[in-house]
Protein backbone atom coordinates (compact mmCIF):
# COMPACT_ATOMS: atom_id res chain seq x y z
CA MET A 1 61.15 -107.54 -59.43
CA LYS A 2 62.35 -103.96 -58.97
CA LYS A 3 64.90 -102.79 -61.52
CA GLU A 4 67.97 -100.80 -60.57
CA VAL A 5 67.78 -97.16 -61.65
CA TYR A 6 70.86 -95.23 -62.72
CA MET A 7 71.83 -91.62 -63.23
CA VAL A 8 73.89 -91.02 -66.34
CA GLY A 9 74.67 -87.40 -65.55
CA GLY A 10 73.38 -83.86 -65.80
CA VAL A 11 73.95 -80.27 -66.82
CA ARG A 12 72.75 -76.85 -65.75
CA THR A 13 72.97 -73.21 -66.63
CA PRO A 14 74.98 -70.86 -64.47
CA PHE A 15 72.81 -69.66 -61.59
CA VAL A 16 72.58 -65.88 -61.47
CA LYS A 17 71.01 -63.23 -59.28
CA SER A 18 67.43 -62.56 -60.33
CA PHE A 19 66.74 -59.48 -62.45
CA THR A 20 70.26 -59.45 -63.90
CA ALA A 21 71.75 -61.55 -66.72
CA TYR A 22 68.59 -63.53 -67.57
CA SER A 23 66.11 -60.65 -67.46
CA ASP A 24 65.27 -61.03 -71.16
CA ILE A 25 65.04 -64.85 -71.16
CA THR A 26 61.70 -66.61 -70.77
CA THR A 27 61.14 -69.50 -68.39
CA GLN A 28 60.70 -71.89 -71.31
CA LYS A 29 63.85 -70.73 -73.09
CA LEU A 30 65.93 -71.04 -69.93
CA MET A 31 64.74 -74.63 -69.45
CA GLU A 32 65.38 -75.39 -73.11
CA ILE A 33 69.02 -74.37 -72.71
CA SER A 34 69.71 -77.06 -70.08
CA LEU A 35 67.61 -79.70 -71.78
CA SER A 36 69.24 -79.12 -75.18
CA ALA A 37 72.69 -79.17 -73.57
CA LEU A 38 71.90 -82.51 -71.92
CA VAL A 39 70.77 -83.90 -75.29
CA LYS A 40 73.99 -82.74 -76.91
CA LYS A 41 76.22 -83.95 -74.05
CA TYR A 42 74.90 -87.51 -74.26
CA LYS A 43 74.33 -87.57 -78.03
CA LEU A 44 70.57 -88.00 -77.75
CA GLU A 45 69.70 -86.04 -80.90
CA GLY A 46 66.78 -87.71 -82.63
CA GLN A 47 66.39 -90.25 -79.82
CA THR A 48 63.02 -91.02 -78.24
CA ILE A 49 63.29 -90.83 -74.46
CA ASP A 50 60.52 -92.75 -72.68
CA ASP A 51 59.42 -89.84 -70.47
CA VAL A 52 60.51 -86.35 -69.44
CA ALA A 53 59.40 -84.57 -66.25
CA LEU A 54 60.20 -80.88 -65.86
CA GLY A 55 58.88 -78.23 -63.51
CA ALA A 56 58.81 -74.58 -62.54
CA ILE A 57 57.29 -72.70 -59.62
CA MET A 58 57.36 -69.01 -60.54
CA THR A 59 55.60 -69.48 -63.85
CA SER A 60 52.53 -68.39 -65.78
CA SER A 61 49.56 -69.84 -67.60
CA LYS A 62 51.54 -69.51 -70.85
CA ASN A 63 53.68 -72.39 -69.62
CA TRP A 64 50.77 -74.78 -69.11
CA ASN A 65 52.58 -77.35 -71.30
CA LEU A 66 56.12 -76.29 -70.41
CA ALA A 67 57.80 -79.71 -70.40
CA ARG A 68 56.40 -80.83 -73.75
CA GLU A 69 57.24 -77.51 -75.41
CA CYS A 70 60.81 -77.73 -74.12
CA VAL A 71 61.15 -81.27 -75.49
CA LEU A 72 59.99 -80.13 -78.93
CA SER A 73 62.85 -77.60 -78.98
CA SER A 74 65.49 -79.86 -77.46
CA GLY A 75 66.68 -82.02 -80.35
CA LEU A 76 64.99 -85.11 -78.94
CA ALA A 77 62.63 -87.01 -81.22
CA PRO A 78 59.19 -85.35 -81.23
CA GLN A 79 57.77 -88.72 -80.14
CA THR A 80 59.26 -88.08 -76.68
CA PRO A 81 56.45 -87.44 -74.15
CA ALA A 82 56.75 -84.95 -71.30
CA TYR A 83 54.79 -83.60 -68.35
CA ASN A 84 54.99 -80.86 -65.73
CA VAL A 85 55.84 -81.46 -62.06
CA GLN A 86 55.70 -79.17 -59.05
CA ARG A 87 56.67 -79.73 -55.42
CA ALA A 88 57.95 -76.29 -54.43
CA CYS A 89 61.74 -76.24 -53.92
CA GLY A 90 61.87 -80.02 -54.34
CA THR A 91 60.31 -79.94 -57.80
CA SER A 92 63.10 -81.40 -59.93
CA PHE A 93 64.03 -83.88 -57.18
CA GLU A 94 60.37 -84.95 -57.15
CA ALA A 95 60.57 -85.30 -60.95
CA ALA A 96 63.54 -87.65 -60.52
CA TYR A 97 61.64 -89.53 -57.79
CA GLN A 98 58.64 -90.14 -60.05
CA LEU A 99 60.78 -91.23 -62.98
CA TYR A 100 62.84 -93.47 -60.71
CA ALA A 101 59.63 -95.24 -59.68
CA LYS A 102 58.54 -95.70 -63.31
CA ILE A 103 61.89 -97.18 -64.27
CA ALA A 104 62.11 -99.35 -61.17
CA LEU A 105 58.68 -100.84 -61.91
CA GLY A 106 59.64 -101.57 -65.52
CA PHE A 107 57.27 -99.11 -67.16
CA ILE A 108 60.05 -97.16 -68.89
CA ASP A 109 63.81 -97.46 -69.44
CA THR A 110 64.99 -93.89 -70.11
CA ALA A 111 63.94 -90.55 -68.62
CA ILE A 112 64.97 -86.96 -68.04
CA ALA A 113 64.17 -84.90 -64.93
CA GLY A 114 64.71 -81.18 -64.61
CA GLY A 115 63.53 -77.84 -63.41
CA VAL A 116 63.74 -74.11 -63.99
CA ASP A 117 62.87 -70.88 -62.28
CA THR A 118 63.47 -67.29 -63.19
CA ASN A 119 62.09 -64.57 -61.00
CA SER A 120 63.10 -62.22 -63.79
CA ALA A 121 60.18 -63.58 -65.84
CA VAL A 122 57.71 -63.77 -62.97
CA PRO A 123 54.11 -63.13 -64.11
CA ILE A 124 52.24 -60.05 -62.93
CA GLU A 125 48.56 -60.55 -62.13
CA VAL A 126 45.78 -57.99 -62.26
CA ASN A 127 43.10 -57.91 -59.58
CA LYS A 128 39.78 -59.70 -60.01
CA ALA A 129 37.76 -56.58 -60.88
CA LEU A 130 40.10 -55.63 -63.71
CA ARG A 131 40.28 -59.23 -64.92
CA ASP A 132 36.48 -59.39 -65.09
CA ALA A 133 36.39 -56.09 -66.99
CA ILE A 134 38.95 -57.37 -69.50
CA MET A 135 36.94 -60.56 -70.05
CA ASN A 136 33.76 -58.48 -70.52
CA LEU A 137 35.64 -56.33 -73.02
CA ARG A 138 36.52 -59.43 -75.02
CA LYS A 139 32.87 -60.49 -75.04
CA ALA A 140 31.56 -57.06 -76.05
CA LYS A 141 30.36 -57.19 -79.67
CA THR A 142 29.87 -53.53 -80.61
CA LEU A 143 32.01 -50.45 -80.19
CA SER A 144 29.45 -48.91 -77.85
CA ASP A 145 29.49 -52.05 -75.69
CA LYS A 146 33.28 -51.90 -75.52
CA ILE A 147 33.22 -48.20 -74.57
CA LYS A 148 30.67 -48.92 -71.87
CA VAL A 149 32.91 -51.58 -70.32
CA VAL A 150 35.98 -49.33 -70.41
CA THR A 151 34.20 -46.36 -68.83
CA GLN A 152 33.05 -48.56 -65.96
CA ILE A 153 36.64 -49.43 -64.95
CA SER A 154 37.60 -47.36 -61.90
CA PHE A 155 41.09 -46.19 -61.00
CA ASN A 156 41.09 -48.49 -57.95
CA GLU A 157 40.68 -51.50 -60.22
CA LEU A 158 43.99 -50.89 -61.99
CA GLY A 159 46.04 -52.66 -59.31
CA PHE A 160 48.28 -55.66 -59.88
CA SER A 161 50.24 -58.15 -57.82
CA THR A 162 53.33 -60.32 -58.18
CA PRO A 163 53.87 -63.72 -56.57
CA ALA A 164 55.56 -63.68 -53.17
CA VAL A 165 57.28 -66.44 -51.20
CA VAL A 166 54.69 -66.21 -48.43
CA GLU A 167 52.73 -69.03 -46.83
CA PRO A 168 49.01 -68.36 -47.48
CA ARG A 169 47.93 -69.93 -44.17
CA THR A 170 50.29 -67.96 -41.94
CA HIS A 171 51.02 -64.88 -44.08
CA LEU A 172 54.66 -65.27 -43.09
CA SER A 173 57.53 -65.51 -45.55
CA MET A 174 59.87 -68.49 -45.54
CA GLY A 175 62.52 -66.28 -43.95
CA GLU A 176 60.16 -65.21 -41.17
CA HIS A 177 59.31 -68.85 -40.50
CA CYS A 178 63.00 -69.72 -40.40
CA GLU A 179 63.57 -66.94 -37.86
CA LEU A 180 61.06 -68.71 -35.61
CA MET A 181 62.96 -71.95 -36.11
CA VAL A 182 66.41 -70.58 -35.26
CA LYS A 183 65.02 -68.92 -32.14
CA HIS A 184 63.43 -72.21 -31.07
CA TRP A 185 66.67 -74.14 -31.62
CA HIS A 186 68.89 -71.33 -30.25
CA ILE A 187 70.97 -70.95 -33.41
CA SER A 188 73.15 -67.84 -33.38
CA GLN A 189 74.00 -65.60 -36.32
CA ALA A 190 77.66 -66.52 -35.88
CA GLU A 191 76.82 -70.20 -36.46
CA GLN A 192 74.78 -69.33 -39.53
CA ASP A 193 77.49 -67.08 -40.92
CA GLU A 194 80.09 -69.82 -40.45
CA LEU A 195 78.02 -72.26 -42.49
CA ALA A 196 77.41 -69.65 -45.19
CA TYR A 197 81.12 -68.84 -45.34
CA GLN A 198 81.96 -72.53 -45.77
CA SER A 199 79.39 -72.84 -48.56
CA HIS A 200 81.18 -70.09 -50.50
CA GLN A 201 84.62 -71.53 -49.77
CA ASN A 202 83.58 -74.98 -51.00
CA ALA A 203 82.09 -73.51 -54.18
CA VAL A 204 85.21 -71.44 -54.85
CA ALA A 205 87.44 -74.51 -54.40
CA ALA A 206 85.20 -76.58 -56.70
CA TYR A 207 85.46 -73.99 -59.45
CA LYS A 208 89.22 -73.74 -59.06
CA ASN A 209 89.71 -77.49 -59.41
CA GLY A 210 87.50 -77.63 -62.50
CA PHE A 211 84.62 -79.55 -60.96
CA TYR A 212 81.96 -77.49 -62.72
CA ALA A 213 83.68 -77.28 -66.09
CA ASP A 214 81.53 -79.91 -67.80
CA LEU A 215 78.42 -79.44 -65.68
CA ILE A 216 77.62 -75.85 -66.61
CA VAL A 217 76.52 -74.72 -70.08
CA PRO A 218 77.08 -71.01 -70.85
CA VAL A 219 74.13 -68.73 -71.45
CA GLY A 220 75.37 -65.99 -73.75
CA GLU A 221 78.28 -64.32 -72.01
CA THR A 222 77.41 -65.88 -68.65
CA LYS A 223 79.72 -68.81 -68.07
CA LYS A 224 79.69 -69.32 -64.29
CA ASP A 225 77.51 -68.82 -61.25
CA SER A 226 77.38 -65.13 -60.36
CA LEU A 227 76.53 -65.47 -56.67
CA ILE A 228 79.71 -67.06 -55.29
CA ARG A 229 81.70 -64.66 -53.11
CA GLU A 230 85.37 -65.59 -53.03
CA ASP A 231 86.18 -62.52 -50.95
CA THR A 232 83.54 -62.97 -48.28
CA THR A 233 84.60 -63.48 -44.66
CA GLN A 234 82.78 -64.23 -41.46
CA GLU A 235 83.75 -60.73 -40.33
CA LYS A 236 81.95 -59.21 -43.32
CA LEU A 237 78.94 -61.48 -42.86
CA LYS A 238 78.42 -60.57 -39.22
CA HIS A 239 77.91 -56.89 -40.07
CA LEU A 240 74.98 -57.52 -42.43
CA LYS A 241 71.59 -56.40 -41.15
CA PRO A 242 68.78 -58.88 -40.41
CA ALA A 243 66.56 -59.41 -43.45
CA PHE A 244 63.34 -60.66 -41.83
CA ASP A 245 63.27 -59.93 -38.09
CA LYS A 246 64.73 -56.46 -38.25
CA SER A 247 64.95 -56.11 -34.46
CA SER A 248 68.12 -56.77 -32.49
CA HIS A 249 66.97 -60.40 -32.20
CA GLY A 250 67.04 -61.13 -35.94
CA THR A 251 69.86 -63.39 -37.14
CA ILE A 252 69.00 -64.27 -40.75
CA THR A 253 70.67 -61.92 -43.21
CA ALA A 254 71.15 -61.73 -46.96
CA GLY A 255 74.55 -63.31 -46.34
CA ASN A 256 73.38 -66.51 -44.66
CA ALA A 257 70.31 -67.15 -46.82
CA SER A 258 70.04 -68.38 -50.39
CA PRO A 259 69.49 -65.46 -52.80
CA LEU A 260 66.70 -65.06 -55.33
CA SER A 261 68.19 -66.76 -58.38
CA ASP A 262 67.49 -67.71 -61.98
CA GLY A 263 68.59 -70.93 -63.67
CA SER A 264 67.72 -74.40 -64.94
CA SER A 265 69.10 -77.93 -64.70
CA ALA A 266 68.42 -81.44 -66.01
CA VAL A 267 69.59 -85.03 -65.42
CA LEU A 268 69.37 -88.25 -67.44
CA LEU A 269 68.10 -91.48 -65.83
CA ALA A 270 68.03 -95.04 -67.19
CA SER A 271 67.64 -98.71 -66.39
CA GLN A 272 70.37 -101.15 -67.37
CA GLU A 273 68.44 -101.79 -70.59
CA GLY A 274 68.24 -98.05 -71.19
CA LEU A 275 71.97 -97.64 -70.70
CA SER A 276 72.64 -100.39 -73.23
CA ALA A 277 70.20 -98.93 -75.76
CA LEU A 278 71.79 -95.49 -75.52
CA ASN A 279 75.34 -96.89 -75.27
CA LEU A 280 75.99 -94.87 -72.12
CA LYS A 281 77.58 -95.50 -68.72
CA ALA A 282 76.11 -94.68 -65.32
CA GLN A 283 77.64 -92.33 -62.77
CA ALA A 284 75.45 -93.41 -59.88
CA LYS A 285 72.37 -95.39 -58.93
CA PHE A 286 69.32 -94.33 -56.99
CA ILE A 287 68.67 -96.30 -53.82
CA ASP A 288 65.51 -94.75 -52.37
CA PHE A 289 63.42 -91.60 -51.92
CA GLN A 290 61.07 -90.30 -49.24
CA VAL A 291 58.77 -87.30 -48.80
CA ALA A 292 57.28 -85.92 -45.58
CA ALA A 293 55.40 -82.91 -44.25
CA VAL A 294 54.95 -81.02 -40.98
CA ASP A 295 52.05 -79.15 -39.38
CA PHE A 296 53.75 -75.77 -39.59
CA VAL A 297 50.47 -73.88 -39.15
CA ASN A 298 50.19 -75.27 -35.62
CA GLY A 299 53.75 -74.87 -34.47
CA GLU A 300 56.06 -77.30 -36.24
CA GLY A 301 58.91 -75.53 -38.01
CA LEU A 302 58.08 -74.83 -41.65
CA LEU A 303 61.37 -76.23 -42.95
CA MET A 304 61.75 -79.20 -40.60
CA ALA A 305 60.04 -81.83 -42.76
CA PRO A 306 63.37 -83.21 -44.10
CA THR A 307 64.14 -84.44 -40.58
CA LYS A 308 61.13 -86.76 -40.91
CA ALA A 309 61.84 -87.78 -44.50
CA VAL A 310 65.42 -88.71 -43.66
CA ALA A 311 64.40 -90.63 -40.54
CA LYS A 312 61.95 -92.77 -42.55
CA LEU A 313 64.53 -93.28 -45.28
CA LEU A 314 67.20 -94.45 -42.85
CA THR A 315 64.83 -96.81 -41.06
CA ARG A 316 63.59 -98.42 -44.28
CA ASN A 317 67.12 -98.93 -45.57
CA ASN A 318 68.58 -100.07 -42.22
CA LEU A 319 71.15 -97.25 -42.25
CA THR A 320 72.41 -94.79 -39.66
CA LEU A 321 72.93 -91.08 -40.25
CA GLN A 322 76.66 -91.68 -40.19
CA ASP A 323 76.62 -94.30 -42.99
CA PHE A 324 77.29 -91.75 -45.74
CA ASP A 325 80.36 -90.41 -47.47
CA TYR A 326 78.71 -87.12 -48.42
CA TYR A 327 75.67 -85.10 -47.39
CA GLU A 328 73.85 -82.71 -49.71
CA ILE A 329 71.56 -80.63 -47.52
CA HIS A 330 69.83 -77.84 -49.42
CA GLU A 331 70.73 -74.46 -47.93
CA ALA A 332 67.53 -72.47 -48.20
CA PHE A 333 68.93 -70.77 -45.11
CA ALA A 334 72.00 -71.60 -43.08
CA GLY A 335 69.72 -71.51 -40.04
CA GLN A 336 67.43 -74.14 -41.52
CA VAL A 337 70.35 -76.52 -42.10
CA LEU A 338 71.57 -75.99 -38.55
CA CYS A 339 68.10 -76.57 -37.10
CA THR A 340 67.91 -79.84 -39.01
CA LEU A 341 71.32 -80.98 -37.75
CA LYS A 342 70.48 -80.00 -34.19
CA ALA A 343 67.15 -81.85 -34.36
CA TRP A 344 68.89 -85.06 -35.46
CA GLU A 345 71.21 -84.68 -32.46
CA SER A 346 68.31 -84.21 -30.03
CA GLU A 347 67.11 -87.23 -28.04
CA ASP A 348 63.83 -85.48 -27.27
CA TYR A 349 63.08 -84.53 -30.88
CA CYS A 350 64.08 -87.90 -32.32
CA GLN A 351 62.06 -89.84 -29.76
CA ASN A 352 58.94 -87.65 -29.53
CA THR A 353 58.72 -86.18 -33.03
CA LEU A 354 60.48 -88.73 -35.23
CA ARG A 355 59.32 -91.70 -33.10
CA LEU A 356 62.81 -93.20 -32.96
CA THR A 357 64.36 -94.99 -30.02
CA SER A 358 67.30 -92.58 -29.83
CA ALA A 359 68.89 -89.57 -31.47
CA LEU A 360 70.20 -89.97 -35.01
CA GLY A 361 73.36 -88.16 -33.92
CA SER A 362 75.83 -85.82 -35.61
CA ILE A 363 77.33 -85.80 -39.08
CA ASP A 364 80.85 -84.92 -40.15
CA ARG A 365 80.24 -81.43 -41.52
CA SER A 366 83.37 -81.60 -43.65
CA LYS A 367 81.38 -84.04 -45.81
CA MET A 368 78.43 -81.68 -46.27
CA ASN A 369 77.85 -79.66 -49.47
CA VAL A 370 81.48 -80.17 -50.42
CA VAL A 371 81.21 -78.42 -53.80
CA GLY A 372 79.13 -75.56 -52.47
CA GLY A 373 75.51 -75.28 -51.42
CA SER A 374 72.53 -73.14 -52.35
CA ILE A 375 73.74 -70.13 -50.35
CA ALA A 376 76.81 -69.84 -52.57
CA LEU A 377 75.59 -71.31 -55.85
CA GLY A 378 72.05 -69.92 -55.82
CA HIS A 379 68.59 -71.43 -55.57
CA PRO A 380 66.35 -71.17 -58.65
CA PHE A 381 63.58 -73.00 -56.81
CA ALA A 382 62.58 -75.81 -59.19
CA ALA A 383 66.14 -76.23 -60.53
CA THR A 384 67.82 -77.02 -57.21
CA GLY A 385 66.97 -80.74 -57.01
CA SER A 386 68.46 -81.67 -60.37
CA ARG A 387 71.36 -79.26 -59.73
CA ILE A 388 72.19 -81.32 -56.65
CA LEU A 389 71.77 -84.62 -58.52
CA ALA A 390 74.04 -83.50 -61.36
CA SER A 391 76.76 -82.52 -58.89
CA VAL A 392 76.36 -85.67 -56.80
CA GLY A 393 76.58 -87.89 -59.87
CA LYS A 394 79.89 -86.39 -60.87
CA LEU A 395 81.17 -86.33 -57.29
CA ILE A 396 80.79 -90.08 -56.73
CA GLU A 397 81.30 -91.37 -60.28
CA GLY A 398 83.59 -94.38 -60.39
CA SER A 399 83.30 -95.06 -56.67
CA ASP A 400 81.04 -96.88 -54.23
CA LYS A 401 80.43 -93.77 -52.13
CA ARG A 402 76.98 -93.12 -50.71
CA VAL A 403 75.24 -89.73 -50.51
CA LEU A 404 72.27 -88.54 -48.46
CA ILE A 405 70.29 -85.73 -50.10
CA SER A 406 67.82 -83.58 -48.16
CA ILE A 407 65.68 -80.73 -49.48
CA CYS A 408 63.21 -78.58 -47.56
CA THR A 409 60.31 -76.93 -49.40
CA ALA A 410 57.61 -74.34 -49.00
CA GLY A 411 54.33 -75.61 -47.59
CA GLY A 412 56.09 -77.47 -44.79
CA MET A 413 57.32 -80.36 -46.92
CA GLY A 414 60.61 -82.15 -47.34
CA ILE A 415 62.07 -84.68 -49.76
CA ALA A 416 65.13 -86.85 -49.30
CA GLY A 417 67.00 -89.49 -51.24
CA ILE A 418 69.96 -91.84 -51.22
CA VAL A 419 72.34 -92.15 -54.17
CA GLU A 420 75.36 -94.43 -54.53
CA GLY A 421 78.29 -94.31 -56.95
CA VAL A 422 78.81 -96.91 -59.66
CA MET A 423 82.26 -98.47 -59.99
């Protein structure tokens, strides 16, 4: 019999613009900050958690055992196991999904999911010729052998590269793909700017009412997200230049897209037995998860997979799109969110692509991303899923409210989930 799986709560660092406040902090250290804060918040010092799943996308070979190393610095008992997870922008949500399944099947009773990304610590790679020369230099036994290897390195072999958010099969960036999507769905810049503006307004209001006070752990002098723009207006947003399609037809700008960000987050999960053992209460319970993918190479929109994941989730749980009190739709781009909403409203798309009998319909947008979305808060890729879960848990704590979560990812994938409050 499947066990119920609960979320106790979560924490995160402030999310900041890449190459600023966290420039001197390693990926591992940034993840350790959230994980250690979670341990302290729920008095888990010295406790053995059954499993920990953490992930990062923009990382290096030095972090081959990232999750386990973070656990060993967290205050948890060293007997706590850990492993790495990666599903692009859905990484920490995927971590929660996997741990949910383990708890539901009775394999474990307590778990922690989380993620981190810092473009400020992104690895720089040398080209193959220089890499081969360096390896030959390490194998050279005599000084003359070493000199011979060095003298054979040409100037052209001294190049290097940094990771880019580009799809290897199309050579287009995520923003360029999203431009194709908004053109297909006829989404204007004004519509995108309006959604971006609302994201900032919701985040500002959440900060003012103290929502984030116990969710965010300071990192040095950084105590709050640095990307929220209280003074932004739709008038200011409309004058920003296109960031990807730089012609007069481009509509995606730096103002209506999530910025490159650094940060980490983590959430604590447990069964009823786990809650009792740790003497903790649940904020929410997980109902279900679903992943999906699209054939973006052959014409499907790169970031449209959540439409499929949500459709399958609703069908399996006998729910409609309107059966939710809140919607957390990851804002990689305002245009991507709007394409998703428009697709759910389309009879043609829902019948021919999602294989439904009719359109899923509209949502009440006043219930969407009510404490700010990724455009305002930031999007450290692997940290976004558990950032959303931590916020959702607090948002619906002590209620029976239901939340639909939807996250698009690179590679044409999407992941969605349903979470309900615990009275």
